[in-house]
PDB file of N, CA and C in Angstrom:
ATOM      1  N   UNK A   1     144.513  39.318  72.264  1.00  0.00           N
ATOM      2  CA  UNK A   1     144.334  40.552  71.821  1.00  0.00           C
ATOM      3  C   UNK A   1     145.153  40.464  70.395  1.00  0.00           C
ATOM      4  N   UNK A   2     144.498  41.238  69.520  1.00  0.00           N
ATOM      5  CA  UNK A   2     144.994  41.203  68.073  1.00  0.00           C
ATOM      6  C   UNK A   2     145.190  42.692  67.592  1.00  0.00           C
ATOM      7  N   UNK A   3     146.435  42.869  66.972  1.00  0.00           N
ATOM      8  CA  UNK A   3     146.731  44.208  66.543  1.00  0.00           C
ATOM      9  C   UNK A   3     146.866  43.997  64.890  1.00  0.00           C
ATOM     10  N   UNK A   4     146.109  44.811  64.112  1.00  0.00           N
ATOM     11  CA  UNK A   4     146.197  44.801  62.714  1.00  0.00           C
ATOM     12  C   UNK A   4     147.071  45.915  62.083  1.00  0.00           C
ATOM     13  N   UNK A   5     146.986  46.135  60.758  1.00  0.00           N
ATOM     14  CA  UNK A   5     147.740  47.159  60.195  1.00  0.00           C
ATOM     15  C   UNK A   5     147.460  48.518  60.641  1.00  0.00           C
ATOM     16  N   UNK A   6     146.130  48.766  60.897  1.00  0.00           N
ATOM     17  CA  UNK A   6     145.761  50.085  61.415  1.00  0.00           C
ATOM     18  C   UNK A   6     145.879  50.225  62.868  1.00  0.00           C
ATOM     19  N   UNK A   7     146.530  49.210  63.490  1.00  0.00           N
ATOM     20  CA  UNK A   7     146.748  49.303  64.910  1.00  0.00           C
ATOM     21  C   UNK A   7     145.570  49.302  65.774  1.00  0.00           C
ATOM     22  N   UNK A   8     144.533  48.560  65.386  1.00  0.00           N
ATOM     23  CA  UNK A   8     143.300  48.481  66.136  1.00  0.00           C
ATOM     24  C   UNK A   8     143.507  47.550  67.244  1.00  0.00           C
ATOM     25  N   UNK A   9     143.279  48.036  68.423  1.00  0.00           N
ATOM     26  CA  UNK A   9     143.330  47.181  69.630  1.00  0.00           C
ATOM     27  C   UNK A   9     141.975  47.106  70.255  1.00  0.00           C
ATOM     28  N   UNK A  10     141.331  46.017  70.223  1.00  0.00           N
ATOM     29  CA  UNK A  10     139.915  45.887  70.762  1.00  0.00           C
ATOM     30  C   UNK A  10     139.010  46.833  70.137  1.00  0.00           C
ATOM     31  N   UNK A  11     138.327  47.808  70.832  1.00  0.00           N
ATOM     32  CA  UNK A  11     137.427  48.750  70.314  1.00  0.00           C
ATOM     33  C   UNK A  11     138.142  50.048  70.034  1.00  0.00           C
ATOM     34  N   UNK A  12     139.381  50.227  70.351  1.00  0.00           N
ATOM     35  CA  UNK A  12     140.070  51.463  70.159  1.00  0.00           C
ATOM     36  C   UNK A  12     140.889  51.478  68.875  1.00  0.00           C
ATOM     37  N   UNK A  13     140.727  52.541  68.115  1.00  0.00           N
ATOM     38  CA  UNK A  13     141.452  52.684  66.781  1.00  0.00           C
ATOM     39  C   UNK A  13     142.466  53.642  67.004  1.00  0.00           C
ATOM     40  N   UNK A  14     143.763  53.211  66.778  1.00  0.00           N
ATOM     41  CA  UNK A  14     144.937  54.082  66.939  1.00  0.00           C
ATOM     42  C   UNK A  14     145.628  54.256  65.623  1.00  0.00           C
ATOM     43  N   UNK A  15     144.839  54.665  64.664  1.00  0.00           N
ATOM     44  CA  UNK A  15     145.435  54.920  63.254  1.00  0.00           C
ATOM     45  C   UNK A  15     146.613  55.826  63.320  1.00  0.00           C
ATOM     46  N   UNK A  16     147.592  55.524  62.589  1.00  0.00           N
ATOM     47  CA  UNK A  16     148.720  56.326  62.600  1.00  0.00           C
ATOM     48  C   UNK A  16     148.625  57.364  61.522  1.00  0.00           C
ATOM     49  N   UNK A  17     148.873  58.697  61.781  1.00  0.00           N
ATOM     50  CA  UNK A  17     148.832  59.750  60.820  1.00  0.00           C
ATOM     51  C   UNK A  17     150.242  60.391  60.707  1.00  0.00           C
ATOM     52  N   UNK A  18     150.947  60.098  59.736  1.00  0.00           N
ATOM     53  CA  UNK A  18     152.322  60.582  59.570  1.00  0.00           C
ATOM     54  C   UNK A  18     152.275  61.869  58.957  1.00  0.00           C
ATOM     55  N   UNK A  19     151.281  62.433  58.417  1.00  0.00           N
ATOM     56  CA  UNK A  19     151.137  63.745  57.810  1.00  0.00           C
ATOM     57  C   UNK A  19     151.281  64.890  58.883  1.00  0.00           C
ATOM     58  N   UNK A  20     152.097  65.790  58.684  1.00  0.00           N
ATOM     59  CA  UNK A  20     152.009  66.976  59.585  1.00  0.00           C
ATOM     60  C   UNK A  20     150.778  67.704  59.383  1.00  0.00           C
ATOM     61  N   UNK A  21     150.180  68.228  60.531  1.00  0.00           N
ATOM     62  CA  UNK A  21     148.978  69.046  60.378  1.00  0.00           C
ATOM     63  C   UNK A  21     149.450  70.388  59.845  1.00  0.00           C
ATOM     64  N   UNK A  22     148.554  71.178  59.285  1.00  0.00           N
ATOM     65  CA  UNK A  22     148.860  72.495  58.884  1.00  0.00           C
ATOM     66  C   UNK A  22     149.471  73.370  59.953  1.00  0.00           C
ATOM     67  N   UNK A  23     148.793  73.373  61.004  1.00  0.00           N
ATOM     68  CA  UNK A  23     149.393  74.041  62.226  1.00  0.00           C
ATOM     69  C   UNK A  23     150.828  73.762  62.502  1.00  0.00           C
ATOM     70  N   UNK A  24     151.130  72.430  62.444  1.00  0.00           N
ATOM     71  CA  UNK A  24     152.516  71.967  62.792  1.00  0.00           C
ATOM     72  C   UNK A  24     153.542  72.557  61.748  1.00  0.00           C
ATOM     73  N   UNK A  25     153.128  72.552  60.467  1.00  0.00           N
ATOM     74  CA  UNK A  25     153.900  72.935  59.377  1.00  0.00           C
ATOM     75  C   UNK A  25     154.226  74.537  59.589  1.00  0.00           C
ATOM     76  N   UNK A  26     153.163  75.183  59.863  1.00  0.00           N
ATOM     77  CA  UNK A  26     153.430  76.721  60.073  1.00  0.00           C
ATOM     78  C   UNK A  26     154.292  76.914  61.209  1.00  0.00           C
ATOM     79  N   UNK A  27     154.063  76.123  62.298  1.00  0.00           N
ATOM     80  CA  UNK A  27     154.923  76.371  63.500  1.00  0.00           C
ATOM     81  C   UNK A  27     156.393  75.967  63.196  1.00  0.00           C
ATOM     82  N   UNK A  28     156.612  74.937  62.462  1.00  0.00           N
ATOM     83  CA  UNK A  28     157.959  74.593  62.133  1.00  0.00           C
ATOM     84  C   UNK A  28     158.586  75.622  61.272  1.00  0.00           C
ATOM     85  N   UNK A  29     157.971  76.157  60.279  1.00  0.00           N
ATOM     86  CA  UNK A  29     158.511  77.162  59.378  1.00  0.00           C
ATOM     87  C   UNK A  29     158.794  78.403  60.345  1.00  0.00           C
ATOM     88  N   UNK A  30     157.952  78.779  61.122  1.00  0.00           N
ATOM     89  CA  UNK A  30     158.179  79.927  62.042  1.00  0.00           C
ATOM     90  C   UNK A  30     159.324  79.719  62.820  1.00  0.00           C
ATOM     91  N   UNK A  31     159.544  78.456  63.466  1.00  0.00           N
ATOM     92  CA  UNK A  31     160.645  78.230  64.309  1.00  0.00           C
ATOM     93  C   UNK A  31     161.945  78.304  63.609  1.00  0.00           C
ATOM     94  N   UNK A  32     161.934  77.742  62.419  1.00  0.00           N
ATOM     95  CA  UNK A  32     163.164  77.686  61.641  1.00  0.00           C
ATOM     96  C   UNK A  32     163.676  79.110  61.139  1.00  0.00           C
ATOM     97  N   UNK A  33     162.716  79.946  60.907  1.00  0.00           N
ATOM     98  CA  UNK A  33     163.110  81.256  60.387  1.00  0.00           C
ATOM     99  C   UNK A  33     163.084  82.458  61.488  1.00  0.00           C
ATOM    100  N   UNK A  34     162.630  82.142  62.737  1.00  0.00           N
ATOM    101  CA  UNK A  34     162.635  83.125  63.772  1.00  0.00           C
ATOM    102  C   UNK A  34     163.846  82.738  64.622  1.00  0.00           C
ATOM    103  N   UNK A  35     164.627  83.882  64.891  1.00  0.00           N
ATOM    104  CA  UNK A  35     165.801  83.682  65.800  1.00  0.00           C
ATOM    105  C   UNK A  35     165.582  84.586  66.949  1.00  0.00           C
ATOM    106  N   UNK A  36     165.821  84.091  68.227  1.00  0.00           N
ATOM    107  CA  UNK A  36     165.750  84.937  69.360  1.00  0.00           C
ATOM    108  C   UNK A  36     166.915  85.966  69.452  1.00  0.00           C
ATOM    109  N   UNK A  37     166.531  87.150  69.861  1.00  0.00           N
ATOM    110  CA  UNK A  37     167.641  88.196  70.147  1.00  0.00           C
ATOM    111  C   UNK A  37     167.443  88.748  71.488  1.00  0.00           C
ATOM    112  N   UNK A  38     168.610  89.177  71.950  1.00  0.00           N
ATOM    113  CA  UNK A  38     168.606  89.852  73.299  1.00  0.00           C
ATOM    114  C   UNK A  38     169.386  91.206  73.030  1.00  0.00           C
ATOM    115  N   UNK A  39     168.724  92.193  73.471  1.00  0.00           N
ATOM    116  CA  UNK A  39     169.350  93.613  73.428  1.00  0.00           C
ATOM    117  C   UNK A  39     169.393  94.114  74.752  1.00  0.00           C
ATOM    118  N   UNK A  40     170.500  95.002  74.977  1.00  0.00           N
ATOM    119  CA  UNK A  40     170.744  95.637  76.263  1.00  0.00           C
ATOM    120  C   UNK A  40     170.538  97.014  76.128  1.00  0.00           C
ATOM    121  N   UNK A  41     169.893  97.598  77.153  1.00  0.00           N
ATOM    122  CA  UNK A  41     169.640  99.059  77.157  1.00  0.00           C
ATOM    123  C   UNK A  41     170.984  99.732  77.466  1.00  0.00           C
ATOM    124  N   UNK A  42     171.133 101.087  77.205  1.00  0.00           N
ATOM    125  CA  UNK A  42     172.282 101.738  77.466  1.00  0.00           C
ATOM    126  C   UNK A  42     172.691 101.686  79.081  1.00  0.00           C
ATOM    127  N   UNK A  43     171.690 101.683  79.874  1.00  0.00           N
ATOM    128  CA  UNK A  43     171.861 101.629  81.251  1.00  0.00           C
ATOM    129  C   UNK A  43     172.484 100.303  81.618  1.00  0.00           C
ATOM    130  N   UNK A  44     172.039  99.232  81.035  1.00  0.00           N
ATOM    131  CA  UNK A  44     172.578  97.898  81.240  1.00  0.00           C
ATOM    132  C   UNK A  44     174.021  97.858  80.842  1.00  0.00           C
ATOM    133  N   UNK A  45     174.324  98.457  79.619  1.00  0.00           N
ATOM    134  CA  UNK A  45     175.769  98.383  79.163  1.00  0.00           C
ATOM    135  C   UNK A  45     176.632  99.222  80.089  1.00  0.00           C
ATOM    136  N   UNK A  46     176.106 100.402  80.632  1.00  0.00           N
ATOM    137  CA  UNK A  46     177.007 101.164  81.475  1.00  0.00           C
ATOM    138  C   UNK A  46     177.151 100.418  82.847  1.00  0.00           C
ATOM    139  N   UNK A  47     176.211  99.724  83.310  1.00  0.00           N
ATOM    140  CA  UNK A  47     176.284  98.954  84.521  1.00  0.00           C
ATOM    141  C   UNK A  47     177.447  97.964  84.388  1.00  0.00           C
ATOM    142  N   UNK A  48     177.305  97.193  83.228  1.00  0.00           N
ATOM    143  CA  UNK A  48     178.291  96.185  82.936  1.00  0.00           C
ATOM    144  C   UNK A  48     179.655  96.740  82.928  1.00  0.00           C
ATOM    145  N   UNK A  49     179.825  97.813  82.302  1.00  0.00           N
ATOM    146  CA  UNK A  49     181.071  98.525  82.168  1.00  0.00           C
ATOM    147  C   UNK A  49     181.661  98.968  83.612  1.00  0.00           C
ATOM    148  N   UNK A  50     180.802  99.421  84.352  1.00  0.00           N
ATOM    149  CA  UNK A  50     181.235  99.829  85.768  1.00  0.00           C
ATOM    150  C   UNK A  50     181.456  98.668  86.544  1.00  0.00           C
ATOM    151  N   UNK A  51     180.861  97.485  86.347  1.00  0.00           N
ATOM    152  CA  UNK A  51     181.152  96.312  87.143  1.00  0.00           C
ATOM    153  C   UNK A  51     182.534  95.840  86.838  1.00  0.00           C
ATOM    154  N   UNK A  52     182.906  95.962  85.512  1.00  0.00           N
ATOM    155  CA  UNK A  52     184.251  95.576  85.098  1.00  0.00           C
ATOM    156  C   UNK A  52     185.274  96.502  85.737  1.00  0.00           C
ATOM    157  N   UNK A  53     185.045  97.814  85.720  1.00  0.00           N
ATOM    158  CA  UNK A  53     185.991  98.735  86.347  1.00  0.00           C
ATOM    159  C   UNK A  53     186.051  98.499  87.817  1.00  0.00           C
ATOM    160  N   UNK A  54     184.978  98.232  88.539  1.00  0.00           N
ATOM    161  CA  UNK A  54     185.027  97.973  89.996  1.00  0.00           C
ATOM    162  C   UNK A  54     185.694  96.800  90.303  1.00  0.00           C
ATOM    163  N   UNK A  55     185.623  95.752  89.537  1.00  0.00           N
ATOM    164  CA  UNK A  55     186.360  94.474  89.707  1.00  0.00           C
ATOM    165  C   UNK A  55     187.812  94.611  89.641  1.00  0.00           C
ATOM    166  N   UNK A  56     188.305  95.696  88.955  1.00  0.00           N
ATOM    167  CA  UNK A  56     189.748  95.911  88.780  1.00  0.00           C
ATOM    168  C   UNK A  56     190.326  96.557  90.076  1.00  0.00           C
ATOM    169  N   UNK A  57     189.427  97.277  90.841  1.00  0.00           N
ATOM    170  CA  UNK A  57     189.978  97.926  92.056  1.00  0.00           C
ATOM    171  C   UNK A  57     190.239  96.813  93.094  1.00  0.00           C
ATOM    172  N   UNK A  58     191.430  96.885  93.719  1.00  0.00           N
ATOM    173  CA  UNK A  58     191.749  95.927  94.636  1.00  0.00           C
ATOM    174  C   UNK A  58     190.819  96.128  95.869  1.00  0.00           C
ATOM    175  N   UNK A  59     190.581  95.043  96.482  1.00  0.00           N
ATOM    176  CA  UNK A  59     189.691  95.006  97.685  1.00  0.00           C
ATOM    177  C   UNK A  59     190.286  95.741  98.934  1.00  0.00           C
ATOM    178  N   UNK A  60     191.579  95.585  99.037  1.00  0.00           N
ATOM    179  CA  UNK A  60     192.306  96.290 100.088  1.00  0.00           C
ATOM    180  C   UNK A  60     193.254  97.234  99.498  1.00  0.00           C
ATOM    181  N   UNK A  61     193.244  98.462  99.882  1.00  0.00           N
ATOM    182  CA  UNK A  61     194.012  99.505  99.320  1.00  0.00           C
ATOM    183  C   UNK A  61     195.239  99.513 100.180  1.00  0.00           C
ATOM    184  N   UNK A  62     196.270  98.878  99.875  1.00  0.00           N
ATOM    185  CA  UNK A  62     197.505  98.724 100.742  1.00  0.00           C
ATOM    186  C   UNK A  62     198.245 100.012 100.987  1.00  0.00           C
ATOM    187  N   UNK A  63     198.133 100.953 100.002  1.00  0.00           N
ATOM    188  CA  UNK A  63     198.732 102.283 100.216  1.00  0.00           C
ATOM    189  C   UNK A  63     198.181 102.891 101.468  1.00  0.00           C
ATOM    190  N   UNK A  64     196.659 102.927 101.580  1.00  0.00           N
ATOM    191  CA  UNK A  64     196.040 103.619 102.678  1.00  0.00           C
ATOM    192  C   UNK A  64     196.334 102.790 103.943  1.00  0.00           C
ATOM    193  N   UNK A  65     196.318 101.503 103.935  1.00  0.00           N
ATOM    194  CA  UNK A  65     196.522 100.656 105.046  1.00  0.00           C
ATOM    195  C   UNK A  65     197.903 100.881 105.634  1.00  0.00           C
ATOM    196  N   UNK A  66     198.835 100.956 104.732  1.00  0.00           N
ATOM    197  CA  UNK A  66     200.326 101.216 105.155  1.00  0.00           C
ATOM    198  C   UNK A  66     200.434 102.571 105.835  1.00  0.00           C
ATOM    199  N   UNK A  67     199.794 103.590 105.261  1.00  0.00           N
ATOM    200  CA  UNK A  67     199.880 104.979 105.811  1.00  0.00           C
ATOM    201  C   UNK A  67     199.313 105.004 107.218  1.00  0.00           C
ATOM    202  N   UNK A  68     198.057 104.453 107.393  1.00  0.00           N
ATOM    203  CA  UNK A  68     197.464 104.380 108.656  1.00  0.00           C
ATOM    204  C   UNK A  68     198.252 103.618 109.735  1.00  0.00           C
ATOM    205  N   UNK A  69     198.776 102.444 109.330  1.00  0.00           N
ATOM    206  CA  UNK A  69     199.504 101.539 110.137  1.00  0.00           C
ATOM    207  C   UNK A  69     200.800 102.180 110.637  1.00  0.00           C
ATOM    208  N   UNK A  70     201.438 102.926 109.732  1.00  0.00           N
ATOM    209  CA  UNK A  70     202.661 103.710 110.045  1.00  0.00           C
ATOM    210  C   UNK A  70     202.322 104.819 111.126  1.00  0.00           C
ATOM    211  N   UNK A  71     201.121 105.457 110.926  1.00  0.00           N
ATOM    212  CA  UNK A  71     200.667 106.449 111.868  1.00  0.00           C
ATOM    213  C   UNK A  71     200.338 105.916 113.226  1.00  0.00           C
ATOM    214  N   UNK A  72     199.726 104.825 113.223  1.00  0.00           N
ATOM    215  CA  UNK A  72     199.440 104.091 114.452  1.00  0.00           C
ATOM    216  C   UNK A  72     200.688 103.683 115.300  1.00  0.00           C
ATOM    217  N   UNK A  73     201.646 103.093 114.490  1.00  0.00           N
ATOM    218  CA  UNK A  73     202.826 102.622 115.111  1.00  0.00           C
ATOM    219  C   UNK A  73     203.739 103.827 115.621  1.00  0.00           C
ATOM    220  N   UNK A  74     203.635 104.961 115.059  1.00  0.00           N
ATOM    221  CA  UNK A  74     204.432 106.260 115.528  1.00  0.00           C
ATOM    222  C   UNK A  74     203.645 107.072 116.345  1.00  0.00           C
ATOM    223  N   UNK A  75     202.399 106.599 116.867  1.00  0.00           N
ATOM    224  CA  UNK A  75     201.683 107.337 117.731  1.00  0.00           C
ATOM    225  C   UNK A  75     201.195 108.802 117.252  1.00  0.00           C
ATOM    226  N   UNK A  76     201.197 108.784 115.992  1.00  0.00           N
ATOM    227  CA  UNK A  76     200.579 110.039 115.276  1.00  0.00           C
ATOM    228  C   UNK A  76     199.234 109.961 114.661  1.00  0.00           C
ATOM    229  N   UNK A  77     198.611 108.738 114.953  1.00  0.00           N
ATOM    230  CA  UNK A  77     197.273 108.629 114.406  1.00  0.00           C
ATOM    231  C   UNK A  77     196.201 109.183 115.391  1.00  0.00           C
ATOM    232  N   UNK A  78     195.564 110.211 114.939  1.00  0.00           N
ATOM    233  CA  UNK A  78     194.602 110.851 115.813  1.00  0.00           C
ATOM    234  C   UNK A  78     193.183 110.926 115.097  1.00  0.00           C
ATOM    235  N   UNK A  79     192.210 110.488 115.745  1.00  0.00           N
ATOM    236  CA  UNK A  79     190.840 110.409 115.131  1.00  0.00           C
ATOM    237  C   UNK A  79     190.038 111.281 116.175  1.00  0.00           C
ATOM    238  N   UNK A  80     189.220 112.106 115.718  1.00  0.00           N
ATOM    239  CA  UNK A  80     188.308 112.817 116.489  1.00  0.00           C
ATOM    240  C   UNK A  80     187.052 111.900 116.809  1.00  0.00           C
ATOM    241  N   UNK A  81     186.626 111.946 117.988  1.00  0.00           N
ATOM    242  CA  UNK A  81     185.489 111.117 118.490  1.00  0.00           C
ATOM    243  C   UNK A  81     184.242 111.469 117.756  1.00  0.00           C
ATOM    244  N   UNK A  82     184.152 112.774 117.451  1.00  0.00           N
ATOM    245  CA  UNK A  82     182.896 113.210 116.777  1.00  0.00           C
ATOM    246  C   UNK A  82     182.855 112.639 115.240  1.00  0.00           C
ATOM    247  N   UNK A  83     184.042 112.431 114.644  1.00  0.00           N
ATOM    248  CA  UNK A  83     184.052 111.827 113.335  1.00  0.00           C
ATOM    249  C   UNK A  83     183.659 110.379 113.349  1.00  0.00           C
ATOM    250  N   UNK A  84     184.172 109.734 114.372  1.00  0.00           N
ATOM    251  CA  UNK A  84     183.876 108.281 114.620  1.00  0.00           C
ATOM    252  C   UNK A  84     182.313 108.247 114.849  1.00  0.00           C
ATOM    253  N   UNK A  85     181.733 108.962 115.713  1.00  0.00           N
ATOM    254  CA  UNK A  85     180.324 108.942 116.031  1.00  0.00           C
ATOM    255  C   UNK A  85     179.436 109.291 114.842  1.00  0.00           C
ATOM    256  N   UNK A  86     179.886 110.307 113.992  1.00  0.00           N
ATOM    257  CA  UNK A  86     179.176 110.624 112.797  1.00  0.00           C
ATOM    258  C   UNK A  86     179.177 109.530 111.767  1.00  0.00           C
ATOM    259  N   UNK A  87     180.356 108.857 111.624  1.00  0.00           N
ATOM    260  CA  UNK A  87     180.353 107.799 110.617  1.00  0.00           C
ATOM    261  C   UNK A  87     179.468 106.601 111.150  1.00  0.00           C
ATOM    262  N   UNK A  88     179.486 106.307 112.486  1.00  0.00           N
ATOM    263  CA  UNK A  88     178.679 105.258 113.057  1.00  0.00           C
ATOM    264  C   UNK A  88     177.259 105.489 112.788  1.00  0.00           C
ATOM    265  N   UNK A  89     176.772 106.795 113.012  1.00  0.00           N
ATOM    266  CA  UNK A  89     175.408 107.180 112.821  1.00  0.00           C
ATOM    267  C   UNK A  89     174.956 107.099 111.345  1.00  0.00           C
ATOM    268  N   UNK A  90     175.817 107.377 110.509  1.00  0.00           N
ATOM    269  CA  UNK A  90     175.565 107.317 108.965  1.00  0.00           C
ATOM    270  C   UNK A  90     175.292 105.907 108.675  1.00  0.00           C
ATOM    271  N   UNK A  91     176.217 105.023 109.038  1.00  0.00           N
ATOM    272  CA  UNK A  91     176.094 103.540 108.844  1.00  0.00           C
ATOM    273  C   UNK A  91     174.725 102.994 109.383  1.00  0.00           C
ATOM    274  N   UNK A  92     174.348 103.441 110.511  1.00  0.00           N
ATOM    275  CA  UNK A  92     173.161 102.932 111.223  1.00  0.00           C
ATOM    276  C   UNK A  92     171.947 103.415 110.318  1.00  0.00           C
ATOM    277  N   UNK A  93     172.023 104.676 109.999  1.00  0.00           N
ATOM    278  CA  UNK A  93     170.929 105.205 109.104  1.00  0.00           C
ATOM    279  C   UNK A  93     170.781 104.466 107.815  1.00  0.00           C
ATOM    280  N   UNK A  94     171.867 104.239 107.117  1.00  0.00           N
ATOM    281  CA  UNK A  94     171.972 103.620 105.856  1.00  0.00           C
ATOM    282  C   UNK A  94     171.479 102.318 106.073  1.00  0.00           C
ATOM    283  N   UNK A  95     171.918 101.505 107.032  1.00  0.00           N
ATOM    284  CA  UNK A  95     171.350 100.159 107.173  1.00  0.00           C
ATOM    285  C   UNK A  95     169.907 100.052 107.577  1.00  0.00           C
ATOM    286  N   UNK A  96     169.366 101.019 108.219  1.00  0.00           N
ATOM    287  CA  UNK A  96     167.910 101.144 108.566  1.00  0.00           C
ATOM    288  C   UNK A  96     167.131 101.249 107.300  1.00  0.00           C
ATOM    289  N   UNK A  97     167.668 101.951 106.221  1.00  0.00           N
ATOM    290  CA  UNK A  97     166.844 102.078 104.970  1.00  0.00           C
ATOM    291  C   UNK A  97     166.927 100.967 104.045  1.00  0.00           C
ATOM    292  N   UNK A  98     168.020 100.166 104.198  1.00  0.00           N
ATOM    293  CA  UNK A  98     168.203  98.997 103.375  1.00  0.00           C
ATOM    294  C   UNK A  98     167.464  97.852 103.866  1.00  0.00           C
TER     295      UNK A  98
END
């Protein structure tokens, strides 16, 4: 097998073309002058702000836990059965829609 300056191999001619095609030149000019941008809607900004605010709230509200714990320990914690049932039904309904 013989390869000459034009890189001919057997019957196949693999001439090298180092010149960029017009299409490639336009593409490279476009790529160098075009910059991607990302913009956020007002709703997205508000959601991001709210997420930051929510992340600052402690997961466990120790003041509420301490108050209830004190009421339980002193036998003054009373909850109506209707309130518990209502809360349970609300949770079931919410879960069924989600």
